[in-house]
C-alpha cells in the first residue's frame, strides 16, 4: 500500500501530508486514521507507548470517547527527508462539559511508501471557558478552507 505524498518531502508535500493527517484525525474515525500508519507503527502519545494498527485503533477509540466534539488544526513546523514535525492545537470537552485546548508537537517518520512508521507526541491541556473556543466548524469533518491555520500565534 502506498500513501502519497512520498518522501523525500518538499515544503509543499510536507504541508500536504500535515493537512491530510489533520483531515483524517478530524474525521474521528479510528480505522481511517490507522491506515496512514505502518502495520507495526510505533507511537508515544503523552505517557503512553504502543505499537501497531490494532493498538492505534484502540487508543483513538478511547481518546475520542473522552475528548468529545474534538476539532484539530495541525501546522507544518519542519521537515527533512522522510521526517516531518508539526505543531497542533485541538479543542474538546469532557463528559461534564468542561472545555479544553490541547497544545502539542509531533515528530513523524515515514517509510518509503508514505506510511508513518513512528509518531511521537507531546501534549499539554489547558481548561478554557466555552466562550473562549476558537474552533467552531461542523464536526466531525475537515477544517473548512476559510478557517485559518495556527499562523504565527501558537497560543
N, C-alpha and C. Protein backbone atom coordinates (compact mmCIF):
# COMPACT_ATOMS: atom_id res chain seq x y z
N UNK A 1 0.84 -1.18 0.00
CA UNK A 1 0.00 0.00 0.00
C UNK A 1 0.89 1.24 0.00
N UNK A 2 0.49 2.24 -0.77
CA UNK A 2 1.23 3.49 -0.85
C UNK A 2 0.32 4.63 -0.40
N UNK A 3 0.91 5.62 0.25
CA UNK A 3 0.14 6.74 0.79
C UNK A 3 0.84 8.06 0.41
N UNK A 4 0.67 8.51 -0.87
CA UNK A 4 1.32 9.75 -1.29
C UNK A 4 0.80 10.94 -0.48
N UNK A 5 1.58 12.01 -0.40
CA UNK A 5 2.90 12.17 -0.99
C UNK A 5 3.96 11.33 -0.27
N UNK A 6 4.98 10.98 -1.05
CA UNK A 6 6.03 10.10 -0.57
C UNK A 6 7.29 10.89 -0.25
N UNK A 7 8.10 10.38 0.69
CA UNK A 7 9.38 11.03 0.94
C UNK A 7 10.34 10.78 -0.23
N UNK A 8 11.33 11.63 -0.38
CA UNK A 8 11.68 12.78 0.46
C UNK A 8 10.71 13.93 0.23
N UNK A 9 10.39 14.63 1.33
CA UNK A 9 9.38 15.68 1.28
C UNK A 9 9.96 17.02 0.87
N UNK A 10 9.13 17.80 0.19
CA UNK A 10 9.40 19.21 -0.07
C UNK A 10 8.53 20.00 0.90
N UNK A 11 8.70 21.29 0.95
CA UNK A 11 7.84 22.10 1.81
C UNK A 11 6.37 21.87 1.46
N UNK A 12 6.07 21.82 0.16
CA UNK A 12 4.68 21.65 -0.28
C UNK A 12 4.13 20.28 0.08
N UNK A 13 4.92 19.23 -0.16
CA UNK A 13 4.40 17.88 0.13
C UNK A 13 4.34 17.60 1.63
N UNK A 14 5.25 18.19 2.41
CA UNK A 14 5.19 18.03 3.87
C UNK A 14 3.95 18.73 4.42
N UNK A 15 3.65 19.94 3.90
CA UNK A 15 2.45 20.65 4.34
C UNK A 15 1.19 19.88 3.93
N UNK A 16 1.22 19.29 2.73
CA UNK A 16 0.09 18.48 2.28
C UNK A 16 -0.10 17.28 3.20
N UNK A 17 0.98 16.63 3.59
CA UNK A 17 0.89 15.47 4.47
C UNK A 17 0.30 15.88 5.83
N UNK A 18 0.71 17.04 6.35
CA UNK A 18 0.17 17.52 7.62
C UNK A 18 -1.32 17.79 7.52
N UNK A 19 -1.74 18.40 6.41
CA UNK A 19 -3.17 18.70 6.24
C UNK A 19 -3.98 17.41 6.06
N UNK A 20 -3.43 16.44 5.36
CA UNK A 20 -4.11 15.16 5.21
C UNK A 20 -4.30 14.49 6.58
N UNK A 21 -3.26 14.57 7.42
CA UNK A 21 -3.36 14.00 8.77
C UNK A 21 -4.42 14.74 9.58
N UNK A 22 -4.43 16.07 9.48
CA UNK A 22 -5.44 16.86 10.18
C UNK A 22 -6.85 16.45 9.76
N UNK A 23 -7.07 16.35 8.46
CA UNK A 23 -8.39 15.96 7.97
C UNK A 23 -8.80 14.58 8.47
N UNK A 24 -7.86 13.63 8.44
CA UNK A 24 -8.17 12.28 8.90
C UNK A 24 -8.52 12.29 10.39
N UNK A 25 -7.73 12.96 11.20
CA UNK A 25 -8.00 13.00 12.64
C UNK A 25 -9.32 13.70 12.92
N UNK A 26 -9.64 14.73 12.16
CA UNK A 26 -10.92 15.42 12.37
C UNK A 26 -12.12 14.57 11.98
N UNK A 27 -11.90 13.49 11.25
CA UNK A 27 -13.00 12.56 10.95
C UNK A 27 -13.42 11.79 12.19
N UNK A 28 -12.52 11.67 13.14
CA UNK A 28 -12.72 10.89 14.36
C UNK A 28 -13.05 9.43 14.05
N UNK A 29 -12.48 8.93 12.97
CA UNK A 29 -12.67 7.54 12.56
C UNK A 29 -11.36 6.79 12.81
N UNK A 30 -11.27 6.04 13.92
CA UNK A 30 -10.01 5.39 14.27
C UNK A 30 -9.46 4.46 13.18
N UNK A 31 -10.31 3.75 12.49
CA UNK A 31 -9.84 2.83 11.45
C UNK A 31 -9.27 3.64 10.28
N UNK A 32 -9.98 4.67 9.84
CA UNK A 32 -9.46 5.52 8.76
C UNK A 32 -8.10 6.09 9.11
N UNK A 33 -7.98 6.63 10.32
CA UNK A 33 -6.71 7.21 10.75
C UNK A 33 -5.60 6.16 10.75
N UNK A 34 -5.90 4.97 11.25
CA UNK A 34 -4.87 3.93 11.39
C UNK A 34 -4.27 3.51 10.05
N UNK A 35 -5.00 3.68 8.96
CA UNK A 35 -4.50 3.25 7.66
C UNK A 35 -3.37 4.12 7.13
N UNK A 36 -3.09 5.25 7.76
CA UNK A 36 -1.97 6.11 7.36
C UNK A 36 -0.66 5.65 8.01
N UNK A 37 -0.72 4.61 8.85
CA UNK A 37 0.43 4.15 9.60
C UNK A 37 0.84 2.75 9.16
N UNK A 38 2.11 2.41 9.32
CA UNK A 38 2.56 1.06 9.02
C UNK A 38 1.89 0.08 9.98
N UNK A 39 1.85 -1.17 9.59
CA UNK A 39 1.23 -2.21 10.43
C UNK A 39 1.88 -2.27 11.81
N UNK A 40 3.20 -1.96 11.88
CA UNK A 40 3.93 -2.03 13.14
C UNK A 40 4.36 -0.65 13.65
N UNK A 41 3.62 0.37 13.26
CA UNK A 41 3.95 1.75 13.65
C UNK A 41 4.13 1.85 15.17
N UNK A 42 5.16 2.61 15.56
CA UNK A 42 5.45 2.83 16.99
C UNK A 42 4.98 4.23 17.37
N UNK A 43 4.29 4.32 18.50
CA UNK A 43 3.75 5.60 18.98
C UNK A 43 4.20 5.88 20.40
N UNK A 44 4.44 7.16 20.65
CA UNK A 44 4.47 7.69 22.01
C UNK A 44 3.49 8.85 21.99
N UNK A 45 2.46 8.75 22.80
CA UNK A 45 1.46 9.80 22.91
C UNK A 45 1.35 10.15 24.39
N UNK A 46 1.82 11.34 24.75
CA UNK A 46 1.91 11.71 26.16
C UNK A 46 2.74 10.65 26.87
N UNK A 47 2.16 9.96 27.85
CA UNK A 47 2.91 8.94 28.59
C UNK A 47 2.65 7.52 28.08
N UNK A 48 1.83 7.37 27.06
CA UNK A 48 1.54 6.04 26.52
C UNK A 48 2.50 5.70 25.39
N UNK A 49 2.98 4.47 25.38
CA UNK A 49 3.83 3.96 24.32
C UNK A 49 3.21 2.65 23.85
N UNK A 50 3.02 2.52 22.53
CA UNK A 50 2.41 1.30 21.99
C UNK A 50 2.82 1.14 20.54
N UNK A 51 2.43 0.00 19.96
CA UNK A 51 2.85 -0.32 18.60
C UNK A 51 1.76 -1.08 17.87
N UNK A 52 1.59 -0.76 16.58
CA UNK A 52 0.69 -1.50 15.71
C UNK A 52 -0.66 -0.85 15.48
N UNK A 53 -1.24 -1.15 14.32
CA UNK A 53 -2.52 -0.55 13.96
C UNK A 53 -3.64 -0.89 14.92
N UNK A 54 -3.67 -2.12 15.40
CA UNK A 54 -4.73 -2.51 16.34
C UNK A 54 -4.66 -1.64 17.60
N UNK A 55 -3.46 -1.40 18.09
CA UNK A 55 -3.28 -0.55 19.27
C UNK A 55 -3.64 0.90 18.95
N UNK A 56 -3.36 1.35 17.73
CA UNK A 56 -3.73 2.71 17.32
C UNK A 56 -5.24 2.87 17.34
N UNK A 57 -5.96 1.91 16.77
CA UNK A 57 -7.43 1.96 16.75
C UNK A 57 -7.97 1.98 18.18
N UNK A 58 -7.44 1.13 19.04
CA UNK A 58 -7.90 1.08 20.43
C UNK A 58 -7.63 2.41 21.13
N UNK A 59 -6.43 2.96 20.93
CA UNK A 59 -6.09 4.24 21.54
C UNK A 59 -7.02 5.35 21.07
N UNK A 60 -7.21 5.47 19.77
CA UNK A 60 -8.05 6.55 19.23
C UNK A 60 -9.51 6.39 19.63
N UNK A 61 -9.98 5.17 19.74
CA UNK A 61 -11.35 4.94 20.20
C UNK A 61 -11.52 5.48 21.62
N UNK A 62 -10.57 5.15 22.50
CA UNK A 62 -10.61 5.67 23.88
C UNK A 62 -10.50 7.19 23.90
N UNK A 63 -9.59 7.71 23.08
CA UNK A 63 -9.35 9.15 23.04
C UNK A 63 -10.63 9.90 22.71
N UNK A 64 -11.30 9.51 21.63
CA UNK A 64 -12.46 10.26 21.18
C UNK A 64 -13.72 9.97 21.98
N UNK A 65 -13.71 8.92 22.79
CA UNK A 65 -14.79 8.75 23.76
C UNK A 65 -14.65 9.77 24.87
N UNK A 66 -13.42 10.07 25.26
CA UNK A 66 -13.15 11.05 26.32
C UNK A 66 -13.20 12.48 25.78
N UNK A 67 -12.54 12.72 24.64
CA UNK A 67 -12.39 14.06 24.07
C UNK A 67 -13.53 14.32 23.09
N UNK A 68 -14.65 14.80 23.61
CA UNK A 68 -15.87 14.97 22.82
C UNK A 68 -15.83 16.28 22.03
N UNK A 69 -16.49 16.28 20.87
CA UNK A 69 -16.55 17.44 19.97
C UNK A 69 -15.17 17.94 19.58
N UNK A 70 -14.27 17.01 19.38
CA UNK A 70 -12.87 17.25 19.03
C UNK A 70 -12.75 17.97 17.70
N UNK A 71 -11.93 19.04 17.67
CA UNK A 71 -11.59 19.78 16.44
C UNK A 71 -10.11 20.13 16.51
N UNK A 72 -9.38 19.84 15.44
CA UNK A 72 -7.91 19.90 15.42
C UNK A 72 -7.40 20.75 14.28
N UNK A 73 -6.31 21.49 14.53
CA UNK A 73 -5.55 22.17 13.49
C UNK A 73 -4.08 21.77 13.66
N UNK A 74 -3.46 21.32 12.56
CA UNK A 74 -2.03 20.99 12.54
C UNK A 74 -1.34 21.93 11.57
N UNK A 75 -0.15 22.38 11.92
CA UNK A 75 0.66 23.21 11.04
C UNK A 75 2.05 22.61 10.92
N UNK A 76 2.57 22.62 9.71
CA UNK A 76 3.94 22.16 9.47
C UNK A 76 4.91 23.03 10.24
N UNK A 77 5.85 22.40 10.93
CA UNK A 77 6.87 23.12 11.67
C UNK A 77 8.23 22.96 10.97
N UNK A 78 8.58 21.72 10.59
CA UNK A 78 9.86 21.45 9.94
C UNK A 78 9.76 20.12 9.20
N UNK A 79 10.70 19.91 8.28
CA UNK A 79 10.73 18.64 7.55
C UNK A 79 12.15 18.39 7.06
N UNK A 80 12.46 17.13 6.81
CA UNK A 80 13.76 16.75 6.24
C UNK A 80 13.67 15.30 5.80
N UNK A 81 13.89 15.05 4.52
CA UNK A 81 13.88 13.68 4.02
C UNK A 81 12.56 12.99 4.27
N UNK A 82 12.57 12.00 5.17
CA UNK A 82 11.36 11.24 5.47
C UNK A 82 10.76 11.60 6.83
N UNK A 83 11.12 12.78 7.34
CA UNK A 83 10.62 13.21 8.66
C UNK A 83 9.90 14.55 8.55
N UNK A 84 8.84 14.67 9.37
CA UNK A 84 8.06 15.90 9.44
C UNK A 84 7.79 16.19 10.92
N UNK A 85 7.88 17.46 11.28
CA UNK A 85 7.48 17.91 12.62
C UNK A 85 6.32 18.88 12.45
N UNK A 86 5.29 18.71 13.26
CA UNK A 86 4.14 19.61 13.24
C UNK A 86 3.87 20.11 14.65
N UNK A 87 3.23 21.25 14.71
CA UNK A 87 2.65 21.73 15.96
C UNK A 87 1.15 21.69 15.75
N UNK A 88 0.42 21.59 16.83
CA UNK A 88 -1.03 21.49 16.69
C UNK A 88 -1.73 22.04 17.90
N UNK A 89 -3.01 22.33 17.70
CA UNK A 89 -3.93 22.67 18.77
C UNK A 89 -5.23 21.93 18.47
N UNK A 90 -5.88 21.49 19.52
CA UNK A 90 -7.23 20.99 19.35
C UNK A 90 -8.06 21.36 20.55
N UNK A 91 -9.36 21.42 20.32
CA UNK A 91 -10.31 21.73 21.38
C UNK A 91 -11.28 20.58 21.53
N UNK A 92 -11.72 20.37 22.76
CA UNK A 92 -12.62 19.28 23.08
C UNK A 92 -13.22 19.56 24.46
N UNK A 93 -14.27 18.81 24.78
CA UNK A 93 -14.81 18.88 26.15
C UNK A 93 -14.97 17.48 26.69
N UNK A 94 -14.95 17.41 28.01
CA UNK A 94 -15.14 16.12 28.68
C UNK A 94 -16.62 15.87 28.93
N UNK A 95 -16.92 14.77 29.58
CA UNK A 95 -18.32 14.38 29.80
C UNK A 95 -19.08 15.39 30.67
N UNK A 96 -18.36 16.15 31.49
CA UNK A 96 -19.01 17.14 32.36
C UNK A 96 -19.27 18.45 31.64
N UNK A 97 -18.74 18.60 30.41
CA UNK A 97 -18.92 19.82 29.64
C UNK A 97 -17.77 20.81 29.75
N UNK A 98 -16.72 20.47 30.51
CA UNK A 98 -15.54 21.34 30.62
C UNK A 98 -14.76 21.31 29.31
N UNK A 99 -14.51 22.48 28.74
CA UNK A 99 -13.75 22.59 27.50
C UNK A 99 -12.26 22.70 27.79
N UNK A 100 -11.46 22.19 26.83
CA UNK A 100 -10.00 22.23 26.90
C UNK A 100 -9.44 22.64 25.55
N UNK A 101 -8.30 23.28 25.58
CA UNK A 101 -7.49 23.45 24.38
C UNK A 101 -6.20 22.70 24.65
N UNK A 102 -5.86 21.80 23.76
CA UNK A 102 -4.66 20.99 23.89
C UNK A 102 -3.64 21.50 22.89
N UNK A 103 -2.42 21.72 23.38
CA UNK A 103 -1.31 22.21 22.55
C UNK A 103 -0.28 21.10 22.46
N UNK A 104 0.32 20.95 21.27
CA UNK A 104 1.31 19.91 21.18
C UNK A 104 2.22 20.00 19.97
N UNK A 105 3.18 19.09 20.00
CA UNK A 105 4.14 18.91 18.92
C UNK A 105 4.23 17.43 18.61
N UNK A 106 4.37 17.12 17.32
CA UNK A 106 4.54 15.73 16.90
C UNK A 106 5.76 15.64 16.00
N UNK A 107 6.46 14.52 16.12
CA UNK A 107 7.52 14.19 15.19
C UNK A 107 7.11 12.90 14.49
N UNK A 108 7.18 12.95 13.16
CA UNK A 108 6.75 11.81 12.35
C UNK A 108 7.91 11.29 11.52
N UNK A 109 7.97 9.98 11.36
CA UNK A 109 8.93 9.35 10.46
C UNK A 109 8.17 8.40 9.54
N UNK A 110 8.44 8.48 8.24
CA UNK A 110 7.70 7.73 7.22
C UNK A 110 8.56 6.69 6.56
N UNK A 111 7.91 5.62 6.08
CA UNK A 111 8.62 4.64 5.25
C UNK A 111 8.58 5.11 3.80
N UNK A 112 9.17 4.32 2.93
CA UNK A 112 9.27 4.70 1.51
C UNK A 112 7.92 4.72 0.80
N UNK A 113 6.89 4.12 1.41
CA UNK A 113 5.55 4.10 0.83
C UNK A 113 4.68 5.25 1.33
N UNK A 114 5.24 6.13 2.16
CA UNK A 114 4.48 7.26 2.67
C UNK A 114 3.64 6.95 3.89
N UNK A 115 3.84 5.77 4.49
CA UNK A 115 3.13 5.40 5.71
C UNK A 115 3.98 5.80 6.91
N UNK A 116 3.33 6.28 7.95
CA UNK A 116 4.06 6.72 9.13
C UNK A 116 4.46 5.51 9.96
N UNK A 117 5.76 5.39 10.19
CA UNK A 117 6.25 4.25 10.97
C UNK A 117 6.57 4.63 12.41
N UNK A 118 6.62 5.93 12.67
CA UNK A 118 6.89 6.39 14.03
C UNK A 118 6.21 7.73 14.26
N UNK A 119 5.56 7.85 15.43
CA UNK A 119 4.88 9.09 15.82
C UNK A 119 5.17 9.33 17.29
N UNK A 120 5.69 10.52 17.60
CA UNK A 120 5.94 10.91 18.98
C UNK A 120 5.22 12.22 19.22
N UNK A 121 4.35 12.25 20.24
CA UNK A 121 3.54 13.43 20.52
C UNK A 121 3.71 13.87 21.97
N UNK A 122 3.94 15.16 22.14
CA UNK A 122 3.96 15.80 23.45
C UNK A 122 2.81 16.78 23.48
N UNK A 123 1.97 16.70 24.52
CA UNK A 123 0.71 17.45 24.53
C UNK A 123 0.45 17.99 25.93
N UNK A 124 -0.04 19.23 25.98
CA UNK A 124 -0.48 19.87 27.22
C UNK A 124 -1.92 20.31 27.06
N UNK A 125 -2.72 20.16 28.11
CA UNK A 125 -4.13 20.56 28.10
C UNK A 125 -4.33 21.76 29.02
N UNK A 126 -5.12 22.71 28.54
CA UNK A 126 -5.47 23.88 29.35
C UNK A 126 -6.99 23.99 29.36
N UNK A 127 -7.57 24.06 30.54
CA UNK A 127 -9.02 24.24 30.65
C UNK A 127 -9.37 25.63 30.14
N UNK A 128 -10.43 25.72 29.34
CA UNK A 128 -10.90 27.00 28.81
C UNK A 128 -12.40 27.10 29.02
N UNK A 129 -12.90 28.32 29.00
CA UNK A 129 -14.35 28.53 29.04
C UNK A 129 -14.89 28.31 27.63
N UNK A 130 -16.11 27.82 27.53
CA UNK A 130 -16.70 27.59 26.21
C UNK A 130 -16.66 28.85 25.35
N UNK A 131 -16.84 30.01 25.95
CA UNK A 131 -16.82 31.27 25.19
C UNK A 131 -15.44 31.58 24.59
N UNK A 132 -14.39 30.92 25.09
CA UNK A 132 -13.03 31.16 24.60
C UNK A 132 -12.60 30.18 23.51
N UNK A 133 -13.50 29.34 23.08
CA UNK A 133 -13.18 28.41 21.99
C UNK A 133 -12.85 29.17 20.72
N UNK A 134 -11.95 28.60 19.91
CA UNK A 134 -11.55 29.20 18.63
C UNK A 134 -12.02 28.39 17.42
N UNK A 135 -12.29 27.12 17.63
CA UNK A 135 -12.56 26.21 16.51
C UNK A 135 -14.06 25.86 16.50
N UNK A 136 -14.77 26.38 15.51
CA UNK A 136 -16.24 26.28 15.53
C UNK A 136 -16.85 25.65 14.28
N UNK A 137 -16.11 24.89 13.49
CA UNK A 137 -16.73 24.29 12.31
C UNK A 137 -17.51 23.04 12.68
N UNK A 138 -18.38 22.63 11.77
CA UNK A 138 -19.18 21.42 12.00
C UNK A 138 -18.24 20.22 12.09
N UNK A 139 -18.47 19.40 13.09
CA UNK A 139 -17.58 18.26 13.29
C UNK A 139 -18.43 17.02 13.59
N UNK A 140 -17.97 15.81 13.28
CA UNK A 140 -16.66 15.56 12.69
C UNK A 140 -16.61 16.01 11.24
N UNK A 141 -15.41 16.27 10.81
CA UNK A 141 -15.18 16.69 9.43
C UNK A 141 -13.98 17.59 9.34
N UNK A 142 -13.50 17.81 8.12
CA UNK A 142 -12.28 18.59 7.93
C UNK A 142 -12.50 20.07 8.26
N UNK A 143 -11.40 20.73 8.57
CA UNK A 143 -11.43 22.18 8.79
C UNK A 143 -11.76 22.85 7.46
N UNK A 144 -12.75 23.72 7.43
CA UNK A 144 -13.10 24.41 6.18
C UNK A 144 -11.95 25.28 5.68
N UNK A 145 -11.90 25.50 4.39
CA UNK A 145 -10.83 26.27 3.77
C UNK A 145 -10.77 27.70 4.30
N UNK A 146 -11.89 28.25 4.74
CA UNK A 146 -11.89 29.64 5.22
C UNK A 146 -11.49 29.77 6.69
N UNK A 147 -11.18 28.65 7.36
CA UNK A 147 -10.70 28.70 8.74
C UNK A 147 -9.18 28.63 8.69
N UNK A 148 -8.50 29.69 9.16
CA UNK A 148 -7.04 29.74 9.03
C UNK A 148 -6.35 28.71 9.91
N UNK A 149 -5.09 28.43 9.56
CA UNK A 149 -4.25 27.59 10.40
C UNK A 149 -3.83 28.33 11.64
N UNK A 150 -2.80 27.86 12.29
CA UNK A 150 -2.37 28.46 13.55
C UNK A 150 -1.63 29.77 13.34
N UNK A 151 -1.07 29.98 12.16
CA UNK A 151 -0.37 31.23 11.89
C UNK A 151 0.83 31.40 12.78
N UNK A 152 1.14 32.63 13.12
CA UNK A 152 2.34 32.90 13.91
C UNK A 152 2.07 32.88 15.41
N UNK A 153 0.82 32.74 15.84
CA UNK A 153 0.49 32.75 17.26
C UNK A 153 0.03 31.38 17.71
N UNK A 154 0.94 30.56 18.30
CA UNK A 154 0.54 29.21 18.71
C UNK A 154 -0.30 29.19 19.99
N UNK A 155 -0.42 30.32 20.67
CA UNK A 155 -1.11 30.32 21.95
C UNK A 155 -2.39 31.08 21.87
